[in-house]
Amino acid sequence: MKPPRLDARLRVVADCVPRCTLAADIGTDHGKLTAWLLYHGRCKRMIASDVSAASRAKARALFNHMGLSGRVTISKDEGLYALTDLTQVVIICGLGGRTMADMLEQDVELNKAMLILSPQTQLPLVRDALNRRAYRITKELVVRADGRFYQIWKAIPGDMRLTEKERALGVNLTATSSATPVDYLHWQLKVASSWQGAGAATLKRWIEEKIADEAGDYSDSL
């Protein structure tokens, strides 16, 4: 039985996961990422959680079909409340920034687990929540999939002091095979061109400055 095919975004997420005894896929949806990680032996066991009964049913059917049911616990608990064991890696992808930040605020001990996150919106809120959790982002990978850009973060316990510009745009943007930081920032600038209100002009200026910085770093590496 072949593993499910992952799109460019989920494949980068999968590549971020180190070999471990137990990982959790929060908001597992169809369960494809969990199945891929178990099939390839990246994780010995996994928790796959989703508040949607339909998503849990899809994931359960996939795990049964692939003979993986004995290695996965399916949970309906929200966010970090699904962590019932000493989890080494926590994956939360494909959720809005507000929802993800609220999950990170839950009163659940993480036991120094690595976090792999891919917020869809309101990224500064997630950076703030990580800071309050005493976690720092070590890498922000940029990915293009199905015509859209995403960031995928790796975070570990540690101090993270961010300027307002870093809070808004990130610190360590890193290229993948599908996109470079400059690609991502140009897309961000295009999106920002329609923004109005207080702070919009400042944010657009920051994006332009970061494009220049990233382009300079790329030229220096050649």
C-alpha atoms as a PDB file:
ATOM      1  CA  MET A   1       0.000   0.000   0.000  1.00  0.00           C
ATOM      2  CA  LYS A   2       1.541   3.288  -1.103  1.00  0.00           C
ATOM      3  CA  PRO A   3       1.399   6.306   1.217  1.00  0.00           C
ATOM      4  CA  PRO A   4      -0.920   9.190   0.327  1.00  0.00           C
ATOM      5  CA  ARG A   5       0.515  11.865  -1.909  1.00  0.00           C
ATOM      6  CA  LEU A   6       1.237  15.148  -0.152  1.00  0.00           C
ATOM      7  CA  ASP A   7       1.083  18.551  -1.826  1.00  0.00           C
ATOM      8  CA  ALA A   8       4.112  20.857  -1.733  1.00  0.00           C
ATOM      9  CA  ARG A   9       3.073  22.445   1.559  1.00  0.00           C
ATOM     10  CA  LEU A  10       2.449  19.217   3.459  1.00  0.00           C
ATOM     11  CA  ARG A  11       5.604  17.630   2.040  1.00  0.00           C
ATOM     12  CA  VAL A  12       7.688  20.451   3.531  1.00  0.00           C
ATOM     13  CA  VAL A  13       5.826  20.001   6.815  1.00  0.00           C
ATOM     14  CA  ALA A  14       6.609  16.273   6.726  1.00  0.00           C
ATOM     15  CA  ASP A  15      10.274  16.948   6.024  1.00  0.00           C
ATOM     16  CA  CYS A  16      10.411  19.132   9.150  1.00  0.00           C
ATOM     17  CA  VAL A  17       9.356  16.280  11.432  1.00  0.00           C
ATOM     18  CA  PRO A  18      12.306  14.494  13.064  1.00  0.00           C
ATOM     19  CA  ARG A  19      12.216  10.808  13.889  1.00  0.00           C
ATOM     20  CA  CYS A  20      10.315  10.472  17.139  1.00  0.00           C
ATOM     21  CA  THR A  21       8.298   8.141  19.310  1.00  0.00           C
ATOM     22  CA  LEU A  22       5.123  10.222  19.449  1.00  0.00           C
ATOM     23  CA  ALA A  23       3.897  13.181  17.405  1.00  0.00           C
ATOM     24  CA  ALA A  24       0.522  14.904  17.243  1.00  0.00           C
ATOM     25  CA  ASP A  25      -1.216  16.214  14.126  1.00  0.00           C
ATOM     26  CA  ILE A  26      -3.682  18.815  15.405  1.00  0.00           C
ATOM     27  CA  GLY A  27      -6.448  19.494  12.876  1.00  0.00           C
ATOM     28  CA  THR A  28      -5.558  16.363  10.932  1.00  0.00           C
ATOM     29  CA  ASP A  29      -8.443  16.763   8.428  1.00  0.00           C
ATOM     30  CA  HIS A  30      -8.084  13.825   5.991  1.00  0.00           C
ATOM     31  CA  GLY A  31      -5.227  12.253   7.950  1.00  0.00           C
ATOM     32  CA  LYS A  32      -2.833  12.189   4.991  1.00  0.00           C
ATOM     33  CA  LEU A  33       0.082  13.785   6.847  1.00  0.00           C
ATOM     34  CA  THR A  34      -0.299  11.413   9.792  1.00  0.00           C
ATOM     35  CA  ALA A  35      -0.479   8.408   7.454  1.00  0.00           C
ATOM     36  CA  TRP A  36       2.609   9.540   5.526  1.00  0.00           C
ATOM     37  CA  LEU A  37       4.661  10.027   8.701  1.00  0.00           C
ATOM     38  CA  LEU A  38       3.650   6.638  10.107  1.00  0.00           C
ATOM     39  CA  TYR A  39       4.167   4.800   6.808  1.00  0.00           C
ATOM     40  CA  HIS A  40       7.691   6.170   6.416  1.00  0.00           C
ATOM     41  CA  GLY A  41       8.590   5.416  10.030  1.00  0.00           C
ATOM     42  CA  ARG A  42       9.221   9.045  10.849  1.00  0.00           C
ATOM     43  CA  CYS A  43       6.978   8.627  13.908  1.00  0.00           C
ATOM     44  CA  LYS A  44       6.377   5.373  15.772  1.00  0.00           C
ATOM     45  CA  ARG A  45       2.993   6.532  17.039  1.00  0.00           C
ATOM     46  CA  MET A  46       0.776   9.554  16.429  1.00  0.00           C
ATOM     47  CA  ILE A  47      -2.216  11.398  17.789  1.00  0.00           C
ATOM     48  CA  ALA A  48      -4.530  12.631  15.023  1.00  0.00           C
ATOM     49  CA  SER A  49      -7.064  15.142  16.314  1.00  0.00           C
ATOM     50  CA  ASP A  50      -9.894  17.049  14.673  1.00  0.00           C
ATOM     51  CA  VAL A  51     -13.078  18.581  16.068  1.00  0.00           C
ATOM     52  CA  SER A  52     -14.900  17.647  12.848  1.00  0.00           C
ATOM     53  CA  ALA A  53     -16.590  14.242  12.963  1.00  0.00           C
ATOM     54  CA  ALA A  54     -16.484  14.056   9.156  1.00  0.00           C
ATOM     55  CA  SER A  55     -12.728  14.673   9.135  1.00  0.00           C
ATOM     56  CA  ARG A  56     -12.157  12.055  11.826  1.00  0.00           C
ATOM     57  CA  ALA A  57     -14.181   9.553   9.798  1.00  0.00           C
ATOM     58  CA  LYS A  58     -12.080  10.231   6.675  1.00  0.00           C
ATOM     59  CA  ALA A  59      -8.862   9.900   8.642  1.00  0.00           C
ATOM     60  CA  ARG A  60     -10.012   6.689  10.356  1.00  0.00           C
ATOM     61  CA  ALA A  61     -10.919   5.136   6.996  1.00  0.00           C
ATOM     62  CA  LEU A  62      -7.476   5.998   5.613  1.00  0.00           C
ATOM     63  CA  PHE A  63      -5.658   4.554   8.634  1.00  0.00           C
ATOM     64  CA  ASN A  64      -7.726   1.358   8.471  1.00  0.00           C
ATOM     65  CA  HIS A  65      -7.091   1.026   4.737  1.00  0.00           C
ATOM     66  CA  MET A  66      -3.344   1.365   5.248  1.00  0.00           C
ATOM     67  CA  GLY A  67      -3.163  -0.910   8.286  1.00  0.00           C
ATOM     68  CA  LEU A  68      -1.985   1.916  10.538  1.00  0.00           C
ATOM     69  CA  SER A  69      -4.830   2.000  13.066  1.00  0.00           C
ATOM     70  CA  GLY A  70      -2.785   0.309  15.781  1.00  0.00           C
ATOM     71  CA  ARG A  71      -0.275   3.153  15.761  1.00  0.00           C
ATOM     72  CA  VAL A  72      -2.593   6.153  15.844  1.00  0.00           C
ATOM     73  CA  THR A  73      -4.983   7.591  18.419  1.00  0.00           C
ATOM     74  CA  ILE A  74      -7.846   9.597  16.924  1.00  0.00           C
ATOM     75  CA  SER A  75      -9.048  12.433  19.151  1.00  0.00           C
ATOM     76  CA  LYS A  76     -11.948  14.879  18.975  1.00  0.00           C
ATOM     77  CA  ASP A  77     -10.374  17.209  21.545  1.00  0.00           C
ATOM     78  CA  GLU A  78      -9.586  20.758  20.486  1.00  0.00           C
ATOM     79  CA  GLY A  79      -6.014  21.899  20.094  1.00  0.00           C
ATOM     80  CA  LEU A  80      -3.461  20.956  22.716  1.00  0.00           C
ATOM     81  CA  TYR A  81      -6.080  19.173  24.822  1.00  0.00           C
ATOM     82  CA  ALA A  82      -5.544  16.195  22.514  1.00  0.00           C
ATOM     83  CA  LEU A  83      -2.033  15.708  23.914  1.00  0.00           C
ATOM     84  CA  THR A  84      -2.539  12.813  26.296  1.00  0.00           C
ATOM     85  CA  ASP A  85       1.044  11.503  26.339  1.00  0.00           C
ATOM     86  CA  LEU A  86       4.530  12.933  26.358  1.00  0.00           C
ATOM     87  CA  THR A  87       4.451  14.220  22.789  1.00  0.00           C
ATOM     88  CA  GLN A  88       7.783  15.088  21.206  1.00  0.00           C
ATOM     89  CA  VAL A  89       6.478  16.933  18.128  1.00  0.00           C
ATOM     90  CA  VAL A  90       3.252  18.935  17.768  1.00  0.00           C
ATOM     91  CA  ILE A  91       2.071  19.797  14.241  1.00  0.00           C
ATOM     92  CA  ILE A  92      -0.616  22.441  13.684  1.00  0.00           C
ATOM     93  CA  CYS A  93      -1.171  23.421  10.061  1.00  0.00           C
ATOM     94  CA  GLY A  94      -3.857  24.974   7.914  1.00  0.00           C
ATOM     95  CA  LEU A  95      -5.640  26.964  10.621  1.00  0.00           C
ATOM     96  CA  GLY A  96      -6.190  30.687  10.938  1.00  0.00           C
ATOM     97  CA  GLY A  97      -3.768  32.629  13.079  1.00  0.00           C
ATOM     98  CA  ARG A  98      -6.331  33.580  15.722  1.00  0.00           C
ATOM     99  CA  THR A  99      -7.417  29.960  16.153  1.00  0.00           C
ATOM    100  CA  MET A 100      -3.814  28.769  16.327  1.00  0.00           C
ATOM    101  CA  ALA A 101      -2.841  31.478  18.817  1.00  0.00           C
ATOM    102  CA  ASP A 102      -5.803  30.534  21.024  1.00  0.00           C
ATOM    103  CA  MET A 103      -4.668  26.902  20.962  1.00  0.00           C
ATOM    104  CA  LEU A 104      -1.175  27.895  22.033  1.00  0.00           C
ATOM    105  CA  GLU A 105      -2.705  29.758  24.987  1.00  0.00           C
ATOM    106  CA  GLN A 106      -4.385  26.581  26.288  1.00  0.00           C
ATOM    107  CA  ASP A 107      -3.222  25.513  29.736  1.00  0.00           C
ATOM    108  CA  VAL A 108      -1.504  22.343  28.553  1.00  0.00           C
ATOM    109  CA  GLU A 109       2.101  21.415  29.294  1.00  0.00           C
ATOM    110  CA  LEU A 110       4.166  20.985  26.125  1.00  0.00           C
ATOM    111  CA  ASN A 111       7.140  19.329  27.836  1.00  0.00           C
ATOM    112  CA  LYS A 112       9.578  21.064  25.477  1.00  0.00           C
ATOM    113  CA  ALA A 113       8.032  19.498  22.381  1.00  0.00           C
ATOM    114  CA  MET A 114       9.090  20.817  18.984  1.00  0.00           C
ATOM    115  CA  LEU A 115       6.312  22.775  17.280  1.00  0.00           C
ATOM    116  CA  ILE A 116       5.746  22.747  13.520  1.00  0.00           C
ATOM    117  CA  LEU A 117       3.208  25.395  12.578  1.00  0.00           C
ATOM    118  CA  SER A 118       1.691  26.763   9.383  1.00  0.00           C
ATOM    119  CA  PRO A 119      -0.785  29.548  10.166  1.00  0.00           C
ATOM    120  CA  GLN A 120      -2.922  30.709   7.257  1.00  0.00           C
ATOM    121  CA  THR A 121      -3.601  34.254   8.465  1.00  0.00           C
ATOM    122  CA  GLN A 122      -2.670  36.747  11.202  1.00  0.00           C
ATOM    123  CA  LEU A 123       0.860  35.423  11.596  1.00  0.00           C
ATOM    124  CA  PRO A 124       1.885  38.131  14.117  1.00  0.00           C
ATOM    125  CA  LEU A 125      -0.701  36.792  16.590  1.00  0.00           C
ATOM    126  CA  VAL A 126       0.929  33.365  16.453  1.00  0.00           C
ATOM    127  CA  ARG A 127       4.383  34.869  16.966  1.00  0.00           C
ATOM    128  CA  ASP A 128       3.030  36.668  20.040  1.00  0.00           C
ATOM    129  CA  ALA A 129       1.528  33.449  21.404  1.00  0.00           C
ATOM    130  CA  LEU A 130       4.812  31.592  20.898  1.00  0.00           C
ATOM    131  CA  ASN A 131       6.639  34.354  22.722  1.00  0.00           C
ATOM    132  CA  ARG A 132       4.298  34.044  25.694  1.00  0.00           C
ATOM    133  CA  ARG A 133       4.906  30.288  25.639  1.00  0.00           C
ATOM    134  CA  ALA A 134       8.656  30.964  25.782  1.00  0.00           C
ATOM    135  CA  TYR A 135       9.148  29.413  22.347  1.00  0.00           C
ATOM    136  CA  ARG A 136      11.317  30.781  19.565  1.00  0.00           C
ATOM    137  CA  ILE A 137      11.012  30.262  15.829  1.00  0.00           C
ATOM    138  CA  THR A 138      14.195  28.770  14.378  1.00  0.00           C
ATOM    139  CA  LYS A 139      13.134  28.706  10.746  1.00  0.00           C
ATOM    140  CA  GLU A 140      10.322  30.109   8.603  1.00  0.00           C
ATOM    141  CA  LEU A 141      10.146  28.127   5.377  1.00  0.00           C
ATOM    142  CA  VAL A 142       8.295  29.673   2.446  1.00  0.00           C
ATOM    143  CA  VAL A 143       6.313  27.364   0.175  1.00  0.00           C
ATOM    144  CA  ARG A 144       4.170  27.817  -2.903  1.00  0.00           C
ATOM    145  CA  ALA A 145       1.361  25.320  -3.471  1.00  0.00           C
ATOM    146  CA  ASP A 146      -1.655  25.596  -5.763  1.00  0.00           C
ATOM    147  CA  GLY A 147      -0.846  29.215  -6.575  1.00  0.00           C
ATOM    148  CA  ARG A 148      -0.699  30.347  -2.967  1.00  0.00           C
ATOM    149  CA  PHE A 149       2.200  31.052  -0.622  1.00  0.00           C
ATOM    150  CA  TYR A 150       2.569  29.641   2.880  1.00  0.00           C
ATOM    151  CA  GLN A 151       4.988  29.817   5.769  1.00  0.00           C
ATOM    152  CA  ILE A 152       5.968  26.747   7.750  1.00  0.00           C
ATOM    153  CA  TRP A 153       7.679  27.324  11.072  1.00  0.00           C
ATOM    154  CA  LYS A 154       9.842  25.221  13.333  1.00  0.00           C
ATOM    155  CA  ALA A 155       9.799  26.385  16.950  1.00  0.00           C
ATOM    156  CA  ILE A 156      11.554  25.168  20.084  1.00  0.00           C
ATOM    157  CA  PRO A 157      11.721  26.413  23.676  1.00  0.00           C
ATOM    158  CA  GLY A 158      13.758  29.599  23.978  1.00  0.00           C
ATOM    159  CA  ASP A 159      13.753  33.366  24.113  1.00  0.00           C
ATOM    160  CA  MET A 160      12.457  35.302  21.102  1.00  0.00           C
ATOM    161  CA  ARG A 161      12.792  39.078  21.089  1.00  0.00           C
ATOM    162  CA  LEU A 162      11.171  40.624  18.034  1.00  0.00           C
ATOM    163  CA  THR A 163      11.028  44.150  16.716  1.00  0.00           C
ATOM    164  CA  GLU A 164       7.668  45.309  15.363  1.00  0.00           C
ATOM    165  CA  LYS A 165       8.982  44.732  11.844  1.00  0.00           C
ATOM    166  CA  GLU A 166      10.102  41.184  12.695  1.00  0.00           C
ATOM    167  CA  ARG A 167       6.783  40.508  14.419  1.00  0.00           C
ATOM    168  CA  ALA A 168       4.964  41.514  11.226  1.00  0.00           C
ATOM    169  CA  LEU A 169       7.192  39.903   8.590  1.00  0.00           C
ATOM    170  CA  GLY A 170       9.256  37.226  10.283  1.00  0.00           C
ATOM    171  CA  VAL A 171      12.888  36.727  11.138  1.00  0.00           C
ATOM    172  CA  ASN A 172      14.459  33.824   9.298  1.00  0.00           C
ATOM    173  CA  LEU A 173      12.645  33.359   5.985  1.00  0.00           C
ATOM    174  CA  THR A 174      14.067  30.288   4.262  1.00  0.00           C
ATOM    175  CA  ALA A 175      13.676  29.114   0.662  1.00  0.00           C
ATOM    176  CA  THR A 176      12.306  25.742  -0.395  1.00  0.00           C
ATOM    177  CA  SER A 177      12.227  24.090  -3.813  1.00  0.00           C
ATOM    178  CA  SER A 178       8.939  25.856  -4.612  1.00  0.00           C
ATOM    179  CA  ALA A 179       9.635  29.430  -3.469  1.00  0.00           C
ATOM    180  CA  THR A 180      12.228  31.906  -2.238  1.00  0.00           C
ATOM    181  CA  PRO A 181      11.776  34.585   0.428  1.00  0.00           C
ATOM    182  CA  VAL A 182      11.744  37.235  -2.319  1.00  0.00           C
ATOM    183  CA  ASP A 183       8.948  35.369  -4.140  1.00  0.00           C
ATOM    184  CA  TYR A 184       6.931  35.295  -0.944  1.00  0.00           C
ATOM    185  CA  LEU A 185       7.541  38.956  -0.119  1.00  0.00           C
ATOM    186  CA  HIS A 186       6.552  40.120  -3.607  1.00  0.00           C
ATOM    187  CA  TRP A 187       3.299  38.218  -3.158  1.00  0.00           C
ATOM    188  CA  GLN A 188       2.851  39.845   0.254  1.00  0.00           C
ATOM    189  CA  LEU A 189       3.429  43.272  -1.274  1.00  0.00           C
ATOM    190  CA  LYS A 190       0.804  42.577  -3.941  1.00  0.00           C
ATOM    191  CA  VAL A 191      -1.691  41.585  -1.250  1.00  0.00           C
ATOM    192  CA  ALA A 192      -0.768  44.634   0.841  1.00  0.00           C
ATOM    193  CA  SER A 193      -1.398  47.004  -2.075  1.00  0.00           C
ATOM    194  CA  SER A 194      -5.131  46.864  -1.311  1.00  0.00           C
ATOM    195  CA  TRP A 195      -4.754  47.482   2.421  1.00  0.00           C
ATOM    196  CA  GLN A 196      -6.020  50.688   3.956  1.00  0.00           C
ATOM    197  CA  GLY A 197      -6.022  52.196   7.408  1.00  0.00           C
ATOM    198  CA  ALA A 198      -3.497  52.921  10.116  1.00  0.00           C
ATOM    199  CA  GLY A 199      -0.200  51.130   9.685  1.00  0.00           C
ATOM    200  CA  ALA A 200      -0.798  49.983   6.100  1.00  0.00           C
ATOM    201  CA  ALA A 201       1.777  52.355   4.602  1.00  0.00           C
ATOM    202  CA  THR A 202       4.350  51.372   7.226  1.00  0.00           C
ATOM    203  CA  LEU A 203       3.802  47.684   6.603  1.00  0.00           C
ATOM    204  CA  LYS A 204       4.170  48.120   2.840  1.00  0.00           C
ATOM    205  CA  ARG A 205       7.411  50.033   3.394  1.00  0.00           C
ATOM    206  CA  TRP A 206       8.705  47.264   5.657  1.00  0.00           C
ATOM    207  CA  ILE A 207       7.923  44.657   2.998  1.00  0.00           C
ATOM    208  CA  GLU A 208       9.803  46.674   0.366  1.00  0.00           C
ATOM    209  CA  GLU A 209      12.781  47.019   2.727  1.00  0.00           C
ATOM    210  CA  LYS A 210      12.797  43.307   3.457  1.00  0.00           C
ATOM    211  CA  ILE A 211      12.646  42.492  -0.261  1.00  0.00           C
ATOM    212  CA  ALA A 212      15.768  44.607  -0.742  1.00  0.00           C
ATOM    213  CA  ASP A 213      17.471  42.916   2.223  1.00  0.00           C
ATOM    214  CA  GLU A 214      16.605  39.404   1.053  1.00  0.00           C
ATOM    215  CA  ALA A 215      17.651  40.153  -2.531  1.00  0.00           C
ATOM    216  CA  GLY A 216      20.982  41.439  -1.234  1.00  0.00           C
ATOM    217  CA  ASP A 217      21.499  38.315   0.884  1.00  0.00           C
ATOM    218  CA  TYR A 218      20.763  36.124  -2.145  1.00  0.00           C
ATOM    219  CA  SER A 219      23.256  38.042  -4.319  1.00  0.00           C
ATOM    220  CA  ASP A 220      25.921  37.702  -1.619  1.00  0.00           C
ATOM    221  CA  SER A 221      25.422  33.921  -1.568  1.00  0.00           C
ATOM    222  CA  LEU A 222      26.125  33.523  -5.302  1.00  0.00           C
END
